[in-house]
């Protein structure tokens, strides 16, 4: 697995939040595609910085939660199709 680095010059906490979120998801085996996950986390954390968020733990937790919900939503149509065949 490749570790992709992210930074935002406006907030040092953003880079830390990204690293926390990435490490958490990687340790849990939740990362499906390195690049897509990088883009997702970077976009979410950038939006939080733009909202004025400065707490790295809060940003990391929110990014993790949004990533998990996004992945869960992507899996729903697949699960429904598989269940309808049974």
PDB file of N, CA and C in Angstrom:
ATOM      1  N   UNK A   1       0.840  -1.168   0.000  1.00  0.00           N
ATOM      2  CA  UNK A   1       0.000   0.000   0.000  1.00  0.00           C
ATOM      3  C   UNK A   1       0.889   1.235   0.000  1.00  0.00           C
ATOM      4  N   UNK A   2       0.571   2.162  -0.840  1.00  0.00           N
ATOM      5  CA  UNK A   2       1.321   3.402  -0.958  1.00  0.00           C
ATOM      6  C   UNK A   2       0.789   4.412   0.046  1.00  0.00           C
ATOM      7  N   UNK A   3       1.672   5.130   0.686  1.00  0.00           N
ATOM      8  CA  UNK A   3       1.245   6.202   1.576  1.00  0.00           C
ATOM      9  C   UNK A   3       1.377   7.511   0.818  1.00  0.00           C
ATOM     10  N   UNK A   4       0.247   8.152   0.584  1.00  0.00           N
ATOM     11  CA  UNK A   4       0.209   9.408  -0.141  1.00  0.00           C
ATOM     12  C   UNK A   4       0.154  10.540   0.881  1.00  0.00           C
ATOM     13  N   UNK A   5       0.973  11.545   0.678  1.00  0.00           N
ATOM     14  CA  UNK A   5       1.079  12.650   1.634  1.00  0.00           C
ATOM     15  C   UNK A   5       0.218  13.820   1.178  1.00  0.00           C
ATOM     16  N   UNK A   6      -0.375  14.516   2.145  1.00  0.00           N
ATOM     17  CA  UNK A   6      -1.219  15.677   1.885  1.00  0.00           C
ATOM     18  C   UNK A   6      -0.787  16.796   2.824  1.00  0.00           C
ATOM     19  N   UNK A   7      -0.850  18.012   2.344  1.00  0.00           N
ATOM     20  CA  UNK A   7      -0.570  19.167   3.188  1.00  0.00           C
ATOM     21  C   UNK A   7      -1.393  20.353   2.742  1.00  0.00           C
ATOM     22  N   UNK A   8      -1.711  21.222   3.672  1.00  0.00           N
ATOM     23  CA  UNK A   8      -2.446  22.447   3.370  1.00  0.00           C
ATOM     24  C   UNK A   8      -1.719  23.575   4.077  1.00  0.00           C
ATOM     25  N   UNK A   9      -1.171  24.498   3.302  1.00  0.00           N
ATOM     26  CA  UNK A   9      -0.355  25.579   3.866  1.00  0.00           C
ATOM     27  C   UNK A   9      -1.131  26.446   4.851  1.00  0.00           C
ATOM     28  N   UNK A  10      -2.449  26.433   4.777  1.00  0.00           N
ATOM     29  CA  UNK A  10      -3.257  27.269   5.660  1.00  0.00           C
ATOM     30  C   UNK A  10      -3.384  26.698   7.052  1.00  0.00           C
ATOM     31  N   UNK A  11      -3.175  25.398   7.190  1.00  0.00           N
ATOM     32  CA  UNK A  11      -3.403  24.757   8.476  1.00  0.00           C
ATOM     33  C   UNK A  11      -2.490  23.549   8.665  1.00  0.00           C
ATOM     34  N   UNK A  12      -1.530  23.655   9.583  1.00  0.00           N
ATOM     35  CA  UNK A  12      -0.685  22.485   9.869  1.00  0.00           C
ATOM     36  C   UNK A  12      -1.510  21.315  10.419  1.00  0.00           C
ATOM     37  N   UNK A  13      -2.633  21.622  11.054  1.00  0.00           N
ATOM     38  CA  UNK A  13      -3.486  20.567  11.604  1.00  0.00           C
ATOM     39  C   UNK A  13      -4.099  19.716  10.500  1.00  0.00           C
ATOM     40  N   UNK A  14      -4.256  20.279   9.306  1.00  0.00           N
ATOM     41  CA  UNK A  14      -4.848  19.530   8.194  1.00  0.00           C
ATOM     42  C   UNK A  14      -3.962  18.349   7.806  1.00  0.00           C
ATOM     43  N   UNK A  15      -2.672  18.580   7.717  1.00  0.00           N
ATOM     44  CA  UNK A  15      -1.744  17.498   7.383  1.00  0.00           C
ATOM     45  C   UNK A  15      -1.774  16.412   8.449  1.00  0.00           C
ATOM     46  N   UNK A  16      -1.834  16.828   9.708  1.00  0.00           N
ATOM     47  CA  UNK A  16      -1.896  15.860  10.811  1.00  0.00           C
ATOM     48  C   UNK A  16      -3.214  15.093  10.782  1.00  0.00           C
ATOM     49  N   UNK A  17      -4.316  15.792  10.498  1.00  0.00           N
ATOM     50  CA  UNK A  17      -5.624  15.132  10.431  1.00  0.00           C
ATOM     51  C   UNK A  17      -5.641  14.095   9.315  1.00  0.00           C
ATOM     52  N   UNK A  18      -5.066  14.462   8.180  1.00  0.00           N
ATOM     53  CA  UNK A  18      -4.990  13.526   7.052  1.00  0.00           C
ATOM     54  C   UNK A  18      -4.193  12.285   7.440  1.00  0.00           C
ATOM     55  N   UNK A  19      -3.044  12.490   8.074  1.00  0.00           N
ATOM     56  CA  UNK A  19      -2.195  11.359   8.474  1.00  0.00           C
ATOM     57  C   UNK A  19      -2.917  10.455   9.468  1.00  0.00           C
ATOM     58  N   UNK A  20      -3.631  11.054  10.404  1.00  0.00           N
ATOM     59  CA  UNK A  20      -4.384  10.272  11.400  1.00  0.00           C
ATOM     60  C   UNK A  20      -5.468   9.453  10.706  1.00  0.00           C
ATOM     61  N   UNK A  21      -6.232  10.107   9.828  1.00  0.00           N
ATOM     62  CA  UNK A  21      -7.321   9.416   9.130  1.00  0.00           C
ATOM     63  C   UNK A  21      -6.775   8.300   8.239  1.00  0.00           C
ATOM     64  N   UNK A  22      -5.717   8.611   7.485  1.00  0.00           N
ATOM     65  CA  UNK A  22      -5.126   7.613   6.584  1.00  0.00           C
ATOM     66  C   UNK A  22      -4.639   6.402   7.380  1.00  0.00           C
ATOM     67  N   UNK A  23      -3.898   6.639   8.447  1.00  0.00           N
ATOM     68  CA  UNK A  23      -3.369   5.540   9.258  1.00  0.00           C
ATOM     69  C   UNK A  23      -4.491   4.688   9.857  1.00  0.00           C
ATOM     70  N   UNK A  24      -5.537   5.350  10.342  1.00  0.00           N
ATOM     71  CA  UNK A  24      -6.663   4.618  10.922  1.00  0.00           C
ATOM     72  C   UNK A  24      -7.321   3.721   9.882  1.00  0.00           C
ATOM     73  N   UNK A  25      -7.606   4.287   8.720  1.00  0.00           N
ATOM     74  CA  UNK A  25      -8.254   3.508   7.662  1.00  0.00           C
ATOM     75  C   UNK A  25      -7.349   2.390   7.142  1.00  0.00           C
ATOM     76  N   UNK A  26      -6.066   2.671   7.021  1.00  0.00           N
ATOM     77  CA  UNK A  26      -5.114   1.657   6.536  1.00  0.00           C
ATOM     78  C   UNK A  26      -5.002   0.503   7.529  1.00  0.00           C
ATOM     79  N   UNK A  27      -4.888   0.823   8.814  1.00  0.00           N
ATOM     80  CA  UNK A  27      -4.787  -0.242   9.833  1.00  0.00           C
ATOM     81  C   UNK A  27      -6.031  -1.101   9.875  1.00  0.00           C
ATOM     82  N   UNK A  28      -7.182  -0.498   9.573  1.00  0.00           N
ATOM     83  CA  UNK A  28      -8.438  -1.244   9.579  1.00  0.00           C
ATOM     84  C   UNK A  28      -8.737  -1.952   8.272  1.00  0.00           C
ATOM     85  N   UNK A  29      -7.875  -1.789   7.284  1.00  0.00           N
ATOM     86  CA  UNK A  29      -8.082  -2.443   5.995  1.00  0.00           C
ATOM     87  C   UNK A  29      -9.224  -1.836   5.180  1.00  0.00           C
ATOM     88  N   UNK A  30      -9.568  -0.589   5.466  1.00  0.00           N
ATOM     89  CA  UNK A  30     -10.715   0.048   4.812  1.00  0.00           C
ATOM     90  C   UNK A  30     -10.362   0.730   3.499  1.00  0.00           C
ATOM     91  N   UNK A  31      -9.085   0.874   3.198  1.00  0.00           N
ATOM     92  CA  UNK A  31      -8.687   1.574   1.980  1.00  0.00           C
ATOM     93  C   UNK A  31      -8.773   0.621   0.798  1.00  0.00           C
ATOM     94  N   UNK A  32      -9.668   0.945  -0.128  1.00  0.00           N
ATOM     95  CA  UNK A  32      -9.847   0.121  -1.319  1.00  0.00           C
ATOM     96  C   UNK A  32      -8.864   0.529  -2.406  1.00  0.00           C
ATOM     97  N   UNK A  33      -8.768   1.830  -2.629  1.00  0.00           N
ATOM     98  CA  UNK A  33      -7.919   2.378  -3.686  1.00  0.00           C
ATOM     99  C   UNK A  33      -7.153   3.552  -3.088  1.00  0.00           C
ATOM    100  N   UNK A  34      -5.824   3.480  -3.122  1.00  0.00           N
ATOM    101  CA  UNK A  34      -5.007   4.511  -2.492  1.00  0.00           C
ATOM    102  C   UNK A  34      -5.313   5.909  -3.019  1.00  0.00           C
ATOM    103  N   UNK A  35      -5.351   6.051  -4.334  1.00  0.00           N
ATOM    104  CA  UNK A  35      -5.550   7.372  -4.921  1.00  0.00           C
ATOM    105  C   UNK A  35      -6.934   7.932  -4.590  1.00  0.00           C
ATOM    106  N   UNK A  36      -7.973   7.124  -4.762  1.00  0.00           N
ATOM    107  CA  UNK A  36      -9.328   7.587  -4.476  1.00  0.00           C
ATOM    108  C   UNK A  36      -9.490   7.975  -3.012  1.00  0.00           C
ATOM    109  N   UNK A  37      -8.891   7.206  -2.130  1.00  0.00           N
ATOM    110  CA  UNK A  37      -8.968   7.519  -0.709  1.00  0.00           C
ATOM    111  C   UNK A  37      -8.219   8.807  -0.407  1.00  0.00           C
ATOM    112  N   UNK A  38      -7.061   8.983  -1.019  1.00  0.00           N
ATOM    113  CA  UNK A  38      -6.287  10.210  -0.852  1.00  0.00           C
ATOM    114  C   UNK A  38      -7.110  11.418  -1.269  1.00  0.00           C
ATOM    115  N   UNK A  39      -7.714  11.343  -2.428  1.00  0.00           N
ATOM    116  CA  UNK A  39      -8.512  12.454  -2.939  1.00  0.00           C
ATOM    117  C   UNK A  39      -9.702  12.722  -2.019  1.00  0.00           C
ATOM    118  N   UNK A  40     -10.377  11.671  -1.592  1.00  0.00           N
ATOM    119  CA  UNK A  40     -11.535  11.820  -0.708  1.00  0.00           C
ATOM    120  C   UNK A  40     -11.137  12.531   0.576  1.00  0.00           C
ATOM    121  N   UNK A  41     -10.108  12.016   1.253  1.00  0.00           N
ATOM    122  CA  UNK A  41      -9.682  12.615   2.521  1.00  0.00           C
ATOM    123  C   UNK A  41      -9.201  14.045   2.326  1.00  0.00           C
ATOM    124  N   UNK A  42      -8.420  14.276   1.291  1.00  0.00           N
ATOM    125  CA  UNK A  42      -7.901  15.624   1.033  1.00  0.00           C
ATOM    126  C   UNK A  42      -9.037  16.607   0.782  1.00  0.00           C
ATOM    127  N   UNK A  43     -10.028  16.202   0.010  1.00  0.00           N
ATOM    128  CA  UNK A  43     -11.160  17.092  -0.261  1.00  0.00           C
ATOM    129  C   UNK A  43     -11.938  17.399   1.008  1.00  0.00           C
ATOM    130  N   UNK A  44     -12.211  16.381   1.794  1.00  0.00           N
ATOM    131  CA  UNK A  44     -12.996  16.589   3.014  1.00  0.00           C
ATOM    132  C   UNK A  44     -12.240  17.475   4.005  1.00  0.00           C
ATOM    133  N   UNK A  45     -10.972  17.196   4.185  1.00  0.00           N
ATOM    134  CA  UNK A  45     -10.192  17.978   5.144  1.00  0.00           C
ATOM    135  C   UNK A  45     -10.009  19.412   4.646  1.00  0.00           C
ATOM    136  N   UNK A  46      -9.824  19.587   3.350  1.00  0.00           N
ATOM    137  CA  UNK A  46      -9.727  20.939   2.785  1.00  0.00           C
ATOM    138  C   UNK A  46     -11.020  21.716   3.028  1.00  0.00           C
ATOM    139  N   UNK A  47     -12.157  21.068   2.857  1.00  0.00           N
ATOM    140  CA  UNK A  47     -13.441  21.728   3.125  1.00  0.00           C
ATOM    141  C   UNK A  47     -13.538  22.141   4.589  1.00  0.00           C
ATOM    142  N   UNK A  48     -13.055  21.292   5.491  1.00  0.00           N
ATOM    143  CA  UNK A  48     -13.100  21.623   6.911  1.00  0.00           C
ATOM    144  C   UNK A  48     -12.199  22.822   7.230  1.00  0.00           C
ATOM    145  N   UNK A  49     -11.030  22.875   6.601  1.00  0.00           N
ATOM    146  CA  UNK A  49     -10.132  24.015   6.786  1.00  0.00           C
ATOM    147  C   UNK A  49     -10.834  25.286   6.307  1.00  0.00           C
ATOM    148  N   UNK A  50     -11.502  25.202   5.174  1.00  0.00           N
ATOM    149  CA  UNK A  50     -12.231  26.349   4.630  1.00  0.00           C
ATOM    150  C   UNK A  50     -13.378  26.776   5.535  1.00  0.00           C
ATOM    151  N   UNK A  51     -13.930  25.831   6.298  1.00  0.00           N
ATOM    152  CA  UNK A  51     -14.986  26.136   7.267  1.00  0.00           C
ATOM    153  C   UNK A  51     -14.418  26.743   8.550  1.00  0.00           C
ATOM    154  N   UNK A  52     -13.096  26.749   8.667  1.00  0.00           N
ATOM    155  CA  UNK A  52     -12.455  27.323   9.851  1.00  0.00           C
ATOM    156  C   UNK A  52     -12.068  26.317  10.916  1.00  0.00           C
ATOM    157  N   UNK A  53     -12.203  25.046  10.608  1.00  0.00           N
ATOM    158  CA  UNK A  53     -11.848  23.999  11.575  1.00  0.00           C
ATOM    159  C   UNK A  53     -10.339  23.975  11.790  1.00  0.00           C
ATOM    160  N   UNK A  54      -9.911  23.835  13.030  1.00  0.00           N
ATOM    161  CA  UNK A  54      -8.482  23.791  13.338  1.00  0.00           C
ATOM    162  C   UNK A  54      -8.101  22.593  14.214  1.00  0.00           C
ATOM    163  N   UNK A  55      -9.088  21.854  14.680  1.00  0.00           N
ATOM    164  CA  UNK A  55      -8.824  20.716  15.561  1.00  0.00           C
ATOM    165  C   UNK A  55      -8.526  19.476  14.725  1.00  0.00           C
ATOM    166  N   UNK A  56      -7.294  18.991  14.792  1.00  0.00           N
ATOM    167  CA  UNK A  56      -6.862  17.866  13.949  1.00  0.00           C
ATOM    168  C   UNK A  56      -7.623  16.575  14.244  1.00  0.00           C
ATOM    169  N   UNK A  57      -7.936  16.335  15.511  1.00  0.00           N
ATOM    170  CA  UNK A  57      -8.657  15.108  15.873  1.00  0.00           C
ATOM    171  C   UNK A  57     -10.086  15.165  15.337  1.00  0.00           C
ATOM    172  N   UNK A  58     -10.727  16.307  15.488  1.00  0.00           N
ATOM    173  CA  UNK A  58     -12.091  16.468  14.987  1.00  0.00           C
ATOM    174  C   UNK A  58     -12.127  16.311  13.466  1.00  0.00           C
ATOM    175  N   UNK A  59     -11.161  16.920  12.784  1.00  0.00           N
ATOM    176  CA  UNK A  59     -11.116  16.800  11.323  1.00  0.00           C
ATOM    177  C   UNK A  59     -10.877  15.347  10.906  1.00  0.00           C
ATOM    178  N   UNK A  60      -9.951  14.673  11.579  1.00  0.00           N
ATOM    179  CA  UNK A  60      -9.650  13.274  11.248  1.00  0.00           C
ATOM    180  C   UNK A  60     -10.867  12.391  11.475  1.00  0.00           C
ATOM    181  N   UNK A  61     -11.522  12.554  12.613  1.00  0.00           N
ATOM    182  CA  UNK A  61     -12.698  11.734  12.915  1.00  0.00           C
ATOM    183  C   UNK A  61     -13.822  11.967  11.919  1.00  0.00           C
ATOM    184  N   UNK A  62     -14.035  13.215  11.561  1.00  0.00           N
ATOM    185  CA  UNK A  62     -15.094  13.534  10.592  1.00  0.00           C
ATOM    186  C   UNK A  62     -14.751  12.964   9.213  1.00  0.00           C
ATOM    187  N   UNK A  63     -13.509  13.078   8.796  1.00  0.00           N
ATOM    188  CA  UNK A  63     -13.092  12.537   7.504  1.00  0.00           C
ATOM    189  C   UNK A  63     -13.244  11.010   7.478  1.00  0.00           C
ATOM    190  N   UNK A  64     -12.860  10.356   8.562  1.00  0.00           N
ATOM    191  CA  UNK A  64     -13.001   8.900   8.668  1.00  0.00           C
ATOM    192  C   UNK A  64     -14.472   8.508   8.572  1.00  0.00           C
ATOM    193  N   UNK A  65     -15.304   9.192   9.340  1.00  0.00           N
ATOM    194  CA  UNK A  65     -16.732   8.889   9.351  1.00  0.00           C
ATOM    195  C   UNK A  65     -17.343   9.083   7.970  1.00  0.00           C
ATOM    196  N   UNK A  66     -17.015  10.186   7.305  1.00  0.00           N
ATOM    197  CA  UNK A  66     -17.554  10.446   5.974  1.00  0.00           C
ATOM    198  C   UNK A  66     -17.051   9.422   4.966  1.00  0.00           C
ATOM    199  N   UNK A  67     -15.812   9.004   5.095  1.00  0.00           N
ATOM    200  CA  UNK A  67     -15.265   7.982   4.197  1.00  0.00           C
ATOM    201  C   UNK A  67     -16.011   6.659   4.396  1.00  0.00           C
ATOM    202  N   UNK A  68     -16.189   6.263   5.644  1.00  0.00           N
ATOM    203  CA  UNK A  68     -16.878   5.000   5.928  1.00  0.00           C
ATOM    204  C   UNK A  68     -18.318   5.030   5.413  1.00  0.00           C
ATOM    205  N   UNK A  69     -19.006   6.156   5.574  1.00  0.00           N
ATOM    206  CA  UNK A  69     -20.377   6.273   5.068  1.00  0.00           C
ATOM    207  C   UNK A  69     -20.401   6.229   3.544  1.00  0.00           C
ATOM    208  N   UNK A  70     -19.430   6.867   2.915  1.00  0.00           N
ATOM    209  CA  UNK A  70     -19.355   6.868   1.454  1.00  0.00           C
ATOM    210  C   UNK A  70     -19.135   5.455   0.921  1.00  0.00           C
ATOM    211  N   UNK A  71     -18.227   4.728   1.526  1.00  0.00           N
ATOM    212  CA  UNK A  71     -17.956   3.348   1.105  1.00  0.00           C
ATOM    213  C   UNK A  71     -19.188   2.477   1.343  1.00  0.00           C
ATOM    214  N   UNK A  72     -19.850   2.694   2.477  1.00  0.00           N
ATOM    215  CA  UNK A  72     -21.054   1.935   2.788  1.00  0.00           C
ATOM    216  C   UNK A  72     -22.146   2.207   1.749  1.00  0.00           C
ATOM    217  N   UNK A  73     -22.309   3.467   1.364  1.00  0.00           N
ATOM    218  CA  UNK A  73     -23.305   3.825   0.357  1.00  0.00           C
ATOM    219  C   UNK A  73     -22.984   3.201  -1.004  1.00  0.00           C
ATOM    220  N   UNK A  74     -21.706   3.127  -1.331  1.00  0.00           N
ATOM    221  CA  UNK A  74     -21.313   2.511  -2.604  1.00  0.00           C
ATOM    222  C   UNK A  74     -21.626   1.020  -2.621  1.00  0.00           C
ATOM    223  N   UNK A  75     -21.540   0.382  -1.457  1.00  0.00           N
ATOM    224  CA  UNK A  75     -21.789  -1.056  -1.371  1.00  0.00           C
ATOM    225  C   UNK A  75     -23.274  -1.408  -1.369  1.00  0.00           C
ATOM    226  N   UNK A  76     -24.148  -0.471  -1.028  1.00  0.00           N
ATOM    227  CA  UNK A  76     -25.582  -0.784  -0.920  1.00  0.00           C
ATOM    228  C   UNK A  76     -26.182  -1.331  -2.210  1.00  0.00           C
ATOM    229  N   UNK A  77     -25.967  -0.706  -3.365  1.00  0.00           N
ATOM    230  CA  UNK A  77     -26.563  -1.287  -4.583  1.00  0.00           C
ATOM    231  C   UNK A  77     -26.052  -2.696  -4.870  1.00  0.00           C
ATOM    232  N   UNK A  78     -24.808  -2.959  -4.552  1.00  0.00           N
ATOM    233  CA  UNK A  78     -24.239  -4.289  -4.786  1.00  0.00           C
ATOM    234  C   UNK A  78     -24.918  -5.301  -3.866  1.00  0.00           C
ATOM    235  N   UNK A  79     -25.100  -4.936  -2.612  1.00  0.00           N
ATOM    236  CA  UNK A  79     -25.755  -5.841  -1.665  1.00  0.00           C
ATOM    237  C   UNK A  79     -27.202  -6.098  -2.069  1.00  0.00           C
ATOM    238  N   UNK A  80     -27.921  -5.039  -2.485  1.00  0.00           N
ATOM    239  CA  UNK A  80     -29.320  -5.209  -2.893  1.00  0.00           C
ATOM    240  C   UNK A  80     -29.415  -6.141  -4.093  1.00  0.00           C
ATOM    241  N   UNK A  81     -28.556  -5.965  -5.062  1.00  0.00           N
ATOM    242  CA  UNK A  81     -28.585  -6.822  -6.252  1.00  0.00           C
ATOM    243  C   UNK A  81     -28.277  -8.273  -5.880  1.00  0.00           C
ATOM    244  N   UNK A  82     -27.322  -8.477  -5.003  1.00  0.00           N
ATOM    245  CA  UNK A  82     -26.964  -9.835  -4.594  1.00  0.00           C
ATOM    246  C   UNK A  82     -28.096 -10.470  -3.805  1.00  0.00           C
ATOM    247  N   UNK A  83     -28.763  -9.700  -2.945  1.00  0.00           N
ATOM    248  CA  UNK A  83     -29.870 -10.237  -2.143  1.00  0.00           C
ATOM    249  C   UNK A  83     -31.102 -10.534  -2.997  1.00  0.00           C
ATOM    250  N   UNK A  84     -31.322  -9.780  -4.059  1.00  0.00           N
ATOM    251  CA  UNK A  84     -32.489 -10.006  -4.895  1.00  0.00           C
ATOM    252  C   UNK A  84     -32.356 -11.281  -5.723  1.00  0.00           C
ATOM    253  N   UNK A  85     -31.131 -11.730  -5.941  1.00  0.00           N
ATOM    254  CA  UNK A  85     -30.898 -12.973  -6.688  1.00  0.00           C
ATOM    255  C   UNK A  85     -31.142 -14.205  -5.832  1.00  0.00           C
ATOM    256  N   UNK A  86     -31.071 -14.051  -4.520  1.00  0.00           N
ATOM    257  CA  UNK A  86     -31.193 -15.198  -3.620  1.00  0.00           C
ATOM    258  C   UNK A  86     -32.613 -15.686  -3.505  1.00  0.00           C
TER     259      UNK A  86
END
